[in-house]
């Protein structure tokens, strides 16, 4: 009990001593943006409203009606998508010395009172990046439209494969927080700028070996209108997930490190291919001749398929267990302290 209390006190002290910034992409959110800003608590020291070439003039609307001194409106001359707006906010927050950067939407779907729930695990050293999960409470899932529920389930499965974060769900959830020292290492120019932004962020974070955790939130749907059309982006998502999966496997298992899993995957796929090809050829040949395929031929086809499946499953088991566990921003801080100590010893 004392340990829990002292830990909570340490987190509260860390929150009090940290600079927390909020980034709000603004595109057709004039009906909700002022209420969102008004709901952000005093724990936040700076709010960046990014007018992403909004046709409704969200930025001008904020400047004309918002008196909050923490707010800074930044304009894009052309629309860059949610990812482009968030990257602009990240750059500005980092330049202004923020410690943790929270991203929320301006349409009123995300409850600003939960900001500390996203910031707390980061400042406690438990995570580098936190994201919302609307699927945690099973009793609340019924509030989500069935089509969106199914879509998120499929996207979650693809994201687990492409990002390597097997313990996460609801990958397109845009309520996030990130430690600024980790954000500095993101390749801003390469991250997807539109609807693939959230899942591409997870892929980029995995290549940095950053720790990511889910924060349970309630599903909330009001009168907002989504600009996302599933039929238009499904092909793009499939392509980008496949690309990120191959990149991740190459980076983590061949470029940066070699392990038993680095052998299991290619050997397993090769055996599957050989067994399937061999079996398919002889099945077709037997069908053409109207003859029964010999048992030995069947076994010669089945054996590499079974071995290949076992090796691929072993690789997946290793990959699932290989989720980052130690916060990157702590490693960055430790390395800086070690370098400073080395310099002081050398000079002293």
Protein backbone atom coordinates (compact mmCIF):
# COMPACT_ATOMS: atom_id res chain seq x y z
CA UNK A 1 0.00 0.00 0.00
CA UNK A 2 2.79 2.41 0.87
CA UNK A 3 4.55 1.57 -2.39
CA UNK A 4 1.39 2.33 -4.37
CA UNK A 5 0.86 5.60 -2.53
CA UNK A 6 4.47 6.71 -2.99
CA UNK A 7 4.30 5.78 -6.67
CA UNK A 8 1.16 7.87 -7.13
CA UNK A 9 2.78 10.78 -5.33
CA UNK A 10 5.85 10.47 -7.56
CA UNK A 11 3.69 10.56 -10.69
CA UNK A 12 1.78 13.59 -9.41
CA UNK A 13 5.05 15.36 -8.70
CA UNK A 14 6.33 14.46 -12.14
CA UNK A 15 3.14 15.80 -13.73
CA UNK A 16 3.47 19.05 -11.78
CA UNK A 17 7.06 19.48 -12.94
CA UNK A 18 6.45 18.53 -16.57
CA UNK A 19 5.40 20.63 -19.52
CA UNK A 20 2.39 19.01 -21.16
CA UNK A 21 1.27 20.20 -24.57
CA UNK A 22 -1.88 19.37 -26.52
CA UNK A 23 -2.10 19.23 -30.31
CA UNK A 24 -5.54 19.59 -31.94
CA UNK A 25 -5.83 19.10 -35.73
CA UNK A 26 -8.61 21.40 -36.92
CA UNK A 27 -10.62 20.59 -40.03
CA UNK A 28 -14.36 21.32 -40.12
CA UNK A 29 -14.62 21.40 -36.31
CA UNK A 30 -15.92 24.94 -35.70
CA UNK A 31 -19.01 23.55 -33.92
CA UNK A 32 -16.98 21.77 -31.24
CA UNK A 33 -13.45 23.20 -31.05
CA UNK A 34 -14.16 25.94 -28.48
CA UNK A 35 -15.81 23.47 -26.10
CA UNK A 36 -12.88 21.07 -26.50
CA UNK A 37 -10.35 23.79 -25.65
CA UNK A 38 -12.44 24.99 -22.69
CA UNK A 39 -12.46 21.44 -21.28
CA UNK A 40 -8.65 21.11 -21.20
CA UNK A 41 -7.38 21.31 -17.63
CA UNK A 42 -4.68 23.45 -16.05
CA UNK A 43 -2.16 20.60 -16.19
CA UNK A 44 -1.62 21.56 -19.84
CA UNK A 45 0.70 24.50 -20.45
CA UNK A 46 0.31 24.90 -24.24
CA UNK A 47 -2.40 24.11 -26.78
CA UNK A 48 -1.66 24.01 -30.52
CA UNK A 49 -4.68 24.31 -32.82
CA UNK A 50 -3.55 23.34 -36.31
CA UNK A 51 -5.82 24.81 -39.00
CA UNK A 52 -5.26 22.28 -41.78
CA UNK A 53 -6.47 24.58 -44.57
CA UNK A 54 -9.94 24.26 -43.06
CA UNK A 55 -12.67 25.50 -45.44
CA UNK A 56 -14.74 26.60 -42.43
CA UNK A 57 -11.92 28.73 -41.02
CA UNK A 58 -11.43 26.81 -37.76
CA UNK A 59 -8.26 28.73 -36.93
CA UNK A 60 -9.85 32.16 -37.39
CA UNK A 61 -12.83 30.97 -35.37
CA UNK A 62 -10.55 30.03 -32.48
CA UNK A 63 -8.62 33.30 -32.66
CA UNK A 64 -11.84 35.32 -32.68
CA UNK A 65 -13.65 33.56 -29.83
CA UNK A 66 -11.05 31.86 -27.60
CA UNK A 67 -9.41 33.90 -24.82
CA UNK A 68 -7.26 31.05 -23.45
CA UNK A 69 -3.66 32.33 -23.38
CA UNK A 70 -2.30 28.81 -23.78
CA UNK A 71 -3.68 28.53 -27.30
CA UNK A 72 -1.50 29.01 -30.35
CA UNK A 73 -3.10 28.72 -33.80
CA UNK A 74 -0.92 27.42 -36.64
CA UNK A 75 -2.06 27.52 -40.25
CA UNK A 76 -1.39 25.20 -43.18
CA UNK A 77 -1.58 26.79 -46.60
CA UNK A 78 -2.73 23.48 -48.10
CA UNK A 79 -4.45 20.50 -46.50
CA UNK A 80 -1.92 17.92 -45.22
CA UNK A 81 -4.27 15.50 -43.50
CA UNK A 82 -4.41 14.60 -39.82
CA UNK A 83 -0.86 13.22 -39.87
CA UNK A 84 0.56 16.40 -41.36
CA UNK A 85 -1.28 18.50 -38.78
CA UNK A 86 -0.03 16.36 -35.89
CA UNK A 87 3.57 16.47 -37.16
CA UNK A 88 3.35 20.28 -37.30
CA UNK A 89 2.08 20.28 -33.72
CA UNK A 90 4.83 17.90 -32.60
CA UNK A 91 7.54 20.11 -34.11
CA UNK A 92 6.13 23.22 -32.42
CA UNK A 93 5.74 21.51 -29.04
CA UNK A 94 9.28 20.11 -29.17
CA UNK A 95 10.67 23.54 -30.11
CA UNK A 96 8.83 25.08 -27.14
CA UNK A 97 10.30 22.55 -24.70
CA UNK A 98 7.33 20.26 -24.07
CA UNK A 99 7.97 17.02 -22.17
CA UNK A 100 4.82 15.14 -23.21
CA UNK A 101 2.63 15.86 -26.23
CA UNK A 102 -1.03 14.81 -26.27
CA UNK A 103 -3.07 14.66 -29.46
CA UNK A 104 -6.85 14.95 -29.34
CA UNK A 105 -9.40 15.69 -32.04
CA UNK A 106 -11.41 18.87 -32.21
CA UNK A 107 -14.77 17.23 -32.92
CA UNK A 108 -15.73 16.59 -29.30
CA UNK A 109 -15.39 12.78 -29.40
CA UNK A 110 -12.44 12.71 -26.99
CA UNK A 111 -12.80 13.67 -23.34
CA UNK A 112 -10.02 16.15 -22.35
CA UNK A 113 -10.48 15.20 -18.69
CA UNK A 114 -8.66 11.94 -19.53
CA UNK A 115 -5.42 13.68 -20.49
CA UNK A 116 -3.73 12.74 -17.22
CA UNK A 117 -4.67 9.09 -17.82
CA UNK A 118 -2.61 9.22 -21.02
CA UNK A 119 0.24 11.26 -19.59
CA UNK A 120 0.59 9.34 -16.29
CA UNK A 121 2.04 6.07 -17.66
CA UNK A 122 4.60 8.02 -19.71
CA UNK A 123 5.83 10.12 -16.80
CA UNK A 124 5.85 7.00 -14.59
CA UNK A 125 8.30 5.39 -17.04
CA UNK A 126 5.84 2.68 -18.08
CA UNK A 127 5.43 3.81 -21.70
CA UNK A 128 6.74 6.10 -24.41
CA UNK A 129 3.42 6.35 -26.25
CA UNK A 130 -0.13 5.83 -25.05
CA UNK A 131 -3.26 5.46 -27.14
CA UNK A 132 -6.96 5.07 -26.50
CA UNK A 133 -8.78 1.75 -26.63
CA UNK A 134 -12.57 1.85 -26.95
CA UNK A 135 -12.84 -1.96 -26.77
CA UNK A 136 -11.65 -2.45 -23.19
CA UNK A 137 -15.10 -2.32 -21.57
CA UNK A 138 -17.25 -4.97 -23.25
CA UNK A 139 -20.41 -3.34 -21.92
CA UNK A 140 -19.65 -0.16 -23.83
CA UNK A 141 -18.89 -1.77 -27.19
CA UNK A 142 -22.59 -1.95 -28.11
CA UNK A 143 -22.53 1.86 -28.47
CA UNK A 144 -20.18 1.53 -31.46
CA UNK A 145 -21.80 1.13 -34.91
CA UNK A 146 -21.52 -2.51 -36.04
CA UNK A 147 -19.77 -1.65 -39.31
CA UNK A 148 -17.16 0.39 -37.45
CA UNK A 149 -16.76 -2.38 -34.88
CA UNK A 150 -16.04 -4.97 -37.57
CA UNK A 151 -13.72 -2.58 -39.44
CA UNK A 152 -11.71 -1.86 -36.32
CA UNK A 153 -11.38 -5.57 -35.55
CA UNK A 154 -9.95 -6.23 -39.03
CA UNK A 155 -7.67 -3.18 -38.87
CA UNK A 156 -6.43 -4.29 -35.45
CA UNK A 157 -5.44 -7.68 -36.80
CA UNK A 158 -3.56 -6.14 -39.74
CA UNK A 159 -1.91 -3.60 -37.44
CA UNK A 160 -0.67 -6.31 -35.07
CA UNK A 161 1.12 -7.93 -38.01
CA UNK A 162 2.53 -4.74 -39.51
CA UNK A 163 3.48 -2.92 -36.29
CA UNK A 164 4.55 -5.81 -34.05
CA UNK A 165 2.44 -4.53 -31.11
CA UNK A 166 0.41 -7.69 -30.59
CA UNK A 167 -1.06 -6.53 -27.28
CA UNK A 168 -2.79 -3.42 -28.70
CA UNK A 169 -6.28 -2.95 -30.05
CA UNK A 170 -8.27 -0.15 -31.70
CA UNK A 171 -5.30 1.00 -33.83
CA UNK A 172 -7.08 3.93 -35.50
CA UNK A 173 -7.89 5.59 -32.18
CA UNK A 174 -6.55 9.13 -32.38
CA UNK A 175 -6.39 9.92 -28.65
CA UNK A 176 -2.65 9.61 -28.04
CA UNK A 177 0.26 10.93 -26.00
CA UNK A 178 4.00 10.69 -26.64
CA UNK A 179 7.16 11.62 -24.77
CA UNK A 180 8.88 14.49 -26.59
CA UNK A 181 12.31 12.81 -26.53
CA UNK A 182 10.79 9.88 -28.46
CA UNK A 183 8.92 12.17 -30.85
CA UNK A 184 12.25 13.80 -31.74
CA UNK A 185 13.44 10.50 -33.22
CA UNK A 186 10.42 10.00 -35.48
CA UNK A 187 11.02 10.39 -39.24
CA UNK A 188 8.48 13.20 -39.66
CA UNK A 189 8.93 13.32 -43.42
CA UNK A 190 8.14 9.61 -43.88
CA UNK A 191 5.08 9.13 -41.64
CA UNK A 192 1.79 8.80 -43.51
CA UNK A 193 -0.11 12.08 -43.38
CA UNK A 194 -3.70 11.01 -43.87
CA UNK A 195 -5.95 8.20 -42.62
CA UNK A 196 -3.10 5.68 -42.26
CA UNK A 197 -1.34 8.02 -39.83
CA UNK A 198 -2.18 6.29 -36.52
CA UNK A 199 -1.19 2.81 -37.69
CA UNK A 200 1.93 4.08 -39.46
CA UNK A 201 2.94 5.75 -36.18
CA UNK A 202 2.85 2.36 -34.46
CA UNK A 203 5.10 0.87 -37.13
CA UNK A 204 7.59 3.74 -36.76
CA UNK A 205 7.54 3.46 -32.96
CA UNK A 206 8.26 -0.27 -33.15
CA UNK A 207 11.33 0.34 -35.29
CA UNK A 208 12.52 2.64 -32.47
CA UNK A 209 11.68 -0.10 -29.91
CA UNK A 210 9.37 2.27 -28.05
CA UNK A 211 6.92 0.98 -25.45
CA UNK A 212 3.26 1.52 -26.37
CA UNK A 213 0.27 0.79 -24.12
CA UNK A 214 -3.51 1.12 -24.43
CA UNK A 215 -5.54 3.43 -22.21
CA UNK A 216 -9.18 2.34 -21.76
CA UNK A 217 -11.72 4.96 -22.86
CA UNK A 218 -15.45 4.90 -23.55
CA UNK A 219 -16.80 4.79 -27.09
CA UNK A 220 -18.44 8.14 -27.80
CA UNK A 221 -20.33 9.18 -30.91
CA UNK A 222 -22.15 12.46 -31.30
CA UNK A 223 -23.34 14.47 -34.30
CA UNK A 224 -19.91 14.59 -35.98
CA UNK A 225 -19.56 13.36 -39.56
CA UNK A 226 -16.59 11.16 -40.42
CA UNK A 227 -14.62 12.00 -43.56
CA UNK A 228 -13.33 8.41 -43.76
CA UNK A 229 -14.77 6.28 -46.56
CA UNK A 230 -13.86 2.62 -46.03
CA UNK A 231 -14.41 1.68 -49.67
CA UNK A 232 -11.86 4.26 -50.79
CA UNK A 233 -9.06 3.36 -48.40
CA UNK A 234 -9.26 -0.43 -47.99
CA UNK A 235 -6.87 -1.10 -50.90
CA UNK A 236 -4.42 1.54 -49.69
CA UNK A 237 -4.51 0.14 -46.14
CA UNK A 238 -3.85 -3.43 -47.33
CA UNK A 239 -0.89 -2.29 -49.41
CA UNK A 240 0.62 -0.13 -46.67
CA UNK A 241 0.17 -2.78 -43.97
CA UNK A 242 1.89 -5.35 -46.19
CA UNK A 243 4.72 -2.93 -46.92
CA UNK A 244 5.21 -2.06 -43.24
CA UNK A 245 5.15 -5.74 -42.24
CA UNK A 246 7.96 -6.57 -44.66
CA UNK A 247 9.95 -3.51 -43.58
CA UNK A 248 9.55 -4.36 -39.90
CA UNK A 249 10.65 -7.95 -40.38
CA UNK A 250 13.72 -6.83 -42.33
CA UNK A 251 14.66 -4.08 -39.84
CA UNK A 252 14.14 -6.10 -36.64
CA UNK A 253 15.24 -9.60 -37.69
CA UNK A 254 17.91 -9.09 -40.33
CA UNK A 255 19.27 -5.53 -40.32
CA UNK A 256 19.50 -4.82 -36.58
CA UNK A 257 19.64 -8.28 -35.10
CA UNK A 258 19.78 -11.97 -35.94
CA UNK A 259 18.07 -14.68 -33.90
CA UNK A 260 16.60 -18.12 -34.28
CA UNK A 261 13.42 -16.44 -35.53
CA UNK A 262 15.43 -14.96 -38.43
CA UNK A 263 15.96 -18.53 -39.65
CA UNK A 264 12.54 -19.93 -38.75
CA UNK A 265 10.56 -17.56 -40.98
CA UNK A 266 12.34 -18.01 -44.34
CA UNK A 267 12.86 -21.75 -43.85
CA UNK A 268 9.23 -22.19 -42.81
CA UNK A 269 7.93 -20.24 -45.81
CA UNK A 270 10.22 -22.15 -48.15
CA UNK A 271 8.99 -25.52 -46.83
CA UNK A 272 5.38 -24.40 -47.15
CA UNK A 273 5.99 -23.31 -50.72
CA UNK A 274 7.82 -26.52 -51.67
CA UNK A 275 5.25 -28.79 -50.04
CA UNK A 276 2.31 -26.96 -51.57
CA UNK A 277 3.94 -26.86 -55.00
CA UNK A 278 4.95 -30.51 -54.92
CA UNK A 279 1.56 -31.64 -53.64
CA UNK A 280 -0.36 -29.46 -56.07
CA UNK A 281 1.63 -30.75 -59.05
CA UNK A 282 1.10 -34.41 -58.20
CA UNK A 283 -2.57 -33.87 -57.35
CA UNK A 284 -3.12 -32.29 -60.77
CA UNK A 285 -1.15 -35.07 -62.49
CA UNK A 286 -3.17 -37.77 -60.71
CA UNK A 287 -6.46 -36.03 -61.51
CA UNK A 288 -5.54 -35.89 -65.18
CA UNK A 289 -4.68 -39.58 -65.28
CA UNK A 290 -7.57 -40.65 -63.04
CA UNK A 291 -5.15 -42.48 -60.77
CA UNK A 292 -4.85 -42.57 -56.97
CA UNK A 293 -1.90 -40.63 -55.62
CA UNK A 294 0.54 -42.95 -53.78
CA UNK A 295 0.69 -42.58 -50.00
CA UNK A 296 4.40 -41.87 -50.16
CA UNK A 297 3.82 -38.93 -52.50
CA UNK A 298 1.14 -37.55 -50.17
CA UNK A 299 3.53 -37.79 -47.23
CA UNK A 300 6.31 -36.10 -49.19
CA UNK A 301 3.96 -33.18 -49.77
CA UNK A 302 2.45 -33.12 -46.26
CA UNK A 303 5.72 -33.33 -44.31
CA UNK A 304 7.28 -30.02 -45.52
CA UNK A 305 3.89 -28.29 -45.17
CA UNK A 306 3.57 -29.42 -41.54
CA UNK A 307 7.18 -28.52 -40.75
CA UNK A 308 6.79 -25.17 -42.48
CA UNK A 309 3.67 -24.37 -40.47
CA UNK A 310 5.46 -25.25 -37.24
CA UNK A 311 8.38 -22.97 -38.08
CA UNK A 312 6.13 -20.06 -39.07
CA UNK A 313 4.11 -20.48 -35.86
CA UNK A 314 7.36 -20.57 -33.86
CA UNK A 315 8.37 -17.30 -35.53
CA UNK A 316 5.01 -15.71 -34.66
CA UNK A 317 5.41 -16.87 -31.06
CA UNK A 318 8.83 -15.22 -30.88
CA UNK A 319 7.50 -12.06 -32.53
CA UNK A 320 4.60 -11.80 -30.08
CA UNK A 321 7.00 -12.19 -27.14
CA UNK A 322 9.36 -9.61 -28.64
CA UNK A 323 7.19 -6.58 -27.82
CA UNK A 324 9.28 -3.68 -26.41
CA UNK A 325 9.16 -3.63 -22.60
CA UNK A 326 11.60 -0.94 -21.43
CA UNK A 327 10.67 2.68 -22.15
CA UNK A 328 12.82 4.32 -24.81
CA UNK A 329 12.77 7.76 -23.20
CA UNK A 330 14.32 6.25 -20.06
CA UNK A 331 17.10 4.72 -22.16
CA UNK A 332 17.64 8.08 -23.86
CA UNK A 333 17.82 9.85 -20.50
CA UNK A 334 20.18 7.21 -19.09
CA UNK A 335 22.52 7.54 -22.06
CA UNK A 336 22.57 11.34 -21.67
CA UNK A 337 23.34 11.03 -17.96
CA UNK A 338 26.15 8.54 -18.72
CA UNK A 339 27.63 10.87 -21.34
CA UNK A 340 27.45 13.87 -18.98
CA UNK A 341 29.06 11.87 -16.16
CA UNK A 342 31.82 10.74 -18.53
CA UNK A 343 32.46 14.33 -19.61
CA UNK A 344 32.58 15.56 -16.01
CA UNK A 345 35.00 12.79 -15.02
CA UNK A 346 37.21 13.54 -17.98
CA UNK A 347 37.29 17.26 -17.20
CA UNK A 348 37.60 16.76 -13.47
